Amino acid sequence: MTQETLSTTLNITSEKSSWLRGIEFYNDEIKIMRKRLGEVSDANTSQDLKRKVEQFQNRFNVHEEQLRRLRHNVKNHALHIASDFESHHGQLERTTIYEHDSMRDEYINTEKLFNEMRHDFNRFLSKYL
């Protein structure tokens, strides 16, 4: 049982680190996309394009906020895991593991939505560049 708990804890810690790196990557991607959006906007004066630029700016804002919340939740979850692990002598409660599974689902969903937005943005760029 101790070996299984240790393995589970290491996997959870590894996932947390991976999620935080992913969140930073997506934040960097938004910065790059904002720069590209500015370049397209500066090069075109079409009102239709300006509306689409504003829509993407809003989508970027929404994703940045979601990434901020997710980062906060992941860090709090990591503290909860450490506390649970310490207070239960190297064991994690089932509820903590379920919370981790829920956090994983939240990260995967955030990633999926981000990638959909990025694909939409790349299609937009290909149309206006």
Protein backbone atom coordinates (compact mmCIF):
# COMPACT_ATOMS: atom_id res chain seq x y z
CA MET A 1 0.00 0.00 0.00
CA THR A 2 2.84 2.41 0.81
CA GLN A 3 4.46 1.84 -2.60
CA GLU A 4 1.14 2.50 -4.37
CA THR A 5 0.58 5.68 -2.36
CA LEU A 6 4.11 6.90 -3.07
CA SER A 7 3.69 6.20 -6.78
CA THR A 8 0.33 8.00 -6.81
CA THR A 9 1.84 11.00 -5.02
CA LEU A 10 4.75 11.18 -7.46
CA ASN A 11 2.35 11.02 -10.41
CA ILE A 12 0.20 13.76 -8.90
CA THR A 13 3.26 15.95 -8.29
CA SER A 14 4.48 15.34 -11.83
CA GLU A 15 1.09 16.23 -13.27
CA LYS A 16 0.94 19.43 -11.23
CA SER A 17 4.33 20.50 -12.58
CA SER A 18 3.27 19.64 -16.10
CA TRP A 19 0.07 21.66 -15.74
CA LEU A 20 1.92 24.72 -14.48
CA ARG A 21 4.37 24.51 -17.42
CA GLY A 22 1.41 24.14 -19.79
CA ILE A 23 -0.30 27.19 -18.33
CA GLU A 24 2.88 29.25 -18.81
CA PHE A 25 3.15 27.98 -22.39
CA TYR A 26 -0.44 29.03 -23.15
CA ASN A 27 0.13 32.45 -21.59
CA ASP A 28 3.16 32.88 -23.86
CA GLU A 29 1.07 31.75 -26.84
CA ILE A 30 -1.51 34.45 -26.08
CA LYS A 31 1.24 37.09 -26.07
CA ILE A 32 2.39 35.91 -29.50
CA MET A 33 -1.16 35.81 -30.84
CA ARG A 34 -1.84 39.33 -29.51
CA LYS A 35 1.23 40.60 -31.35
CA ARG A 36 0.12 38.93 -34.59
CA LEU A 37 -3.39 40.29 -34.13
CA GLY A 38 -1.97 43.78 -33.78
CA GLU A 39 0.04 43.36 -36.98
CA VAL A 40 -3.04 42.25 -38.92
CA SER A 41 -5.12 45.05 -37.44
CA ASP A 42 -2.53 47.71 -38.29
CA ALA A 43 -2.27 46.45 -41.88
CA ASN A 44 -6.03 46.42 -42.57
CA THR A 45 -8.78 48.99 -42.16
CA SER A 46 -11.82 46.84 -42.96
CA GLN A 47 -14.64 47.22 -40.43
CA ASP A 48 -15.35 43.50 -40.67
CA LEU A 49 -11.74 42.78 -39.78
CA LYS A 50 -11.84 45.26 -36.88
CA ARG A 51 -14.87 43.42 -35.44
CA LYS A 52 -13.04 40.10 -35.69
CA VAL A 53 -9.96 41.63 -34.08
CA GLU A 54 -12.09 42.78 -31.16
CA GLN A 55 -13.65 39.33 -30.87
CA PHE A 56 -10.22 37.71 -30.66
CA GLN A 57 -9.05 40.29 -28.12
CA ASN A 58 -12.05 39.36 -25.99
CA ARG A 59 -11.37 35.64 -26.41
CA PHE A 60 -7.74 36.18 -25.39
CA ASN A 61 -8.92 38.04 -22.27
CA VAL A 62 -11.28 35.20 -21.35
CA HIS A 63 -8.54 32.60 -21.81
CA GLU A 64 -6.04 34.63 -19.80
CA GLU A 65 -8.53 34.84 -16.94
CA GLN A 66 -9.22 31.11 -17.15
CA LEU A 67 -5.48 30.38 -17.09
CA ARG A 68 -5.03 32.67 -14.05
CA ARG A 69 -7.81 30.86 -12.20
CA LEU A 70 -6.49 27.46 -13.19
CA ARG A 71 -2.96 28.34 -12.07
CA HIS A 72 -4.31 29.52 -8.73
CA ASN A 73 -6.40 26.35 -8.33
CA VAL A 74 -3.48 24.08 -9.23
CA LYS A 75 -1.20 25.79 -6.71
CA ASN A 76 -3.85 25.57 -3.96
CA HIS A 77 -4.46 21.94 -4.84
CA ALA A 78 -0.73 21.23 -4.55
CA LEU A 79 -0.73 22.74 -1.05
CA HIS A 80 -3.73 20.63 -0.13
CA ILE A 81 -2.00 17.47 -1.38
CA ALA A 82 1.14 18.25 0.60
CA SER A 83 -0.89 18.90 3.75
CA ASP A 84 -2.98 15.76 3.27
CA PHE A 85 0.12 13.67 2.63
CA GLU A 86 1.80 15.01 5.76
CA SER A 87 -1.20 14.76 8.07
CA HIS A 88 -2.01 11.19 7.00
CA HIS A 89 1.56 9.85 7.27
CA GLY A 90 2.25 9.50 3.58
CA GLN A 91 -1.29 8.61 2.55
CA LEU A 92 -3.80 10.62 0.56
CA GLU A 93 -7.51 10.60 1.27
CA ARG A 94 -9.76 9.39 -1.50
CA THR A 95 -11.40 12.81 -1.67
CA THR A 96 -8.01 14.37 -2.39
CA ILE A 97 -7.45 11.93 -5.24
CA TYR A 98 -10.95 12.65 -6.58
CA GLU A 99 -10.21 16.37 -6.38
CA HIS A 100 -7.05 15.74 -8.36
CA ASP A 101 -9.03 13.87 -11.01
CA SER A 102 -11.40 16.82 -11.20
CA MET A 103 -8.44 19.21 -11.54
CA ARG A 104 -7.11 17.05 -14.37
CA ASP A 105 -10.47 17.29 -16.15
CA GLU A 106 -10.45 21.07 -15.71
CA TYR A 107 -6.95 21.32 -17.17
CA ILE A 108 -7.82 19.08 -20.12
CA ASN A 109 -10.96 21.10 -20.84
CA THR A 110 -9.05 24.39 -20.64
CA GLU A 111 -6.43 22.99 -22.99
CA LYS A 112 -9.09 21.79 -25.44
CA LEU A 113 -10.84 25.17 -25.50
CA PHE A 114 -7.53 26.99 -25.91
CA ASN A 115 -6.54 24.81 -28.86
CA GLU A 116 -9.90 25.40 -30.53
CA MET A 117 -9.39 29.15 -30.16
CA ARG A 118 -5.84 28.89 -31.50
CA HIS A 119 -7.05 26.99 -34.56
CA ASP A 120 -9.76 29.61 -35.15
CA PHE A 121 -7.11 32.31 -34.85
CA ASN A 122 -4.79 30.57 -37.32
CA ARG A 123 -7.65 30.29 -39.83
CA PHE A 124 -8.34 33.99 -39.32
CA LEU A 125 -4.66 34.82 -39.92
CA SER A 126 -4.52 32.75 -43.08
CA LYS A 127 -7.48 34.69 -44.44
CA TYR A 128 -6.07 38.15 -43.72
CA LEU A 129 -2.34 37.67 -44.25
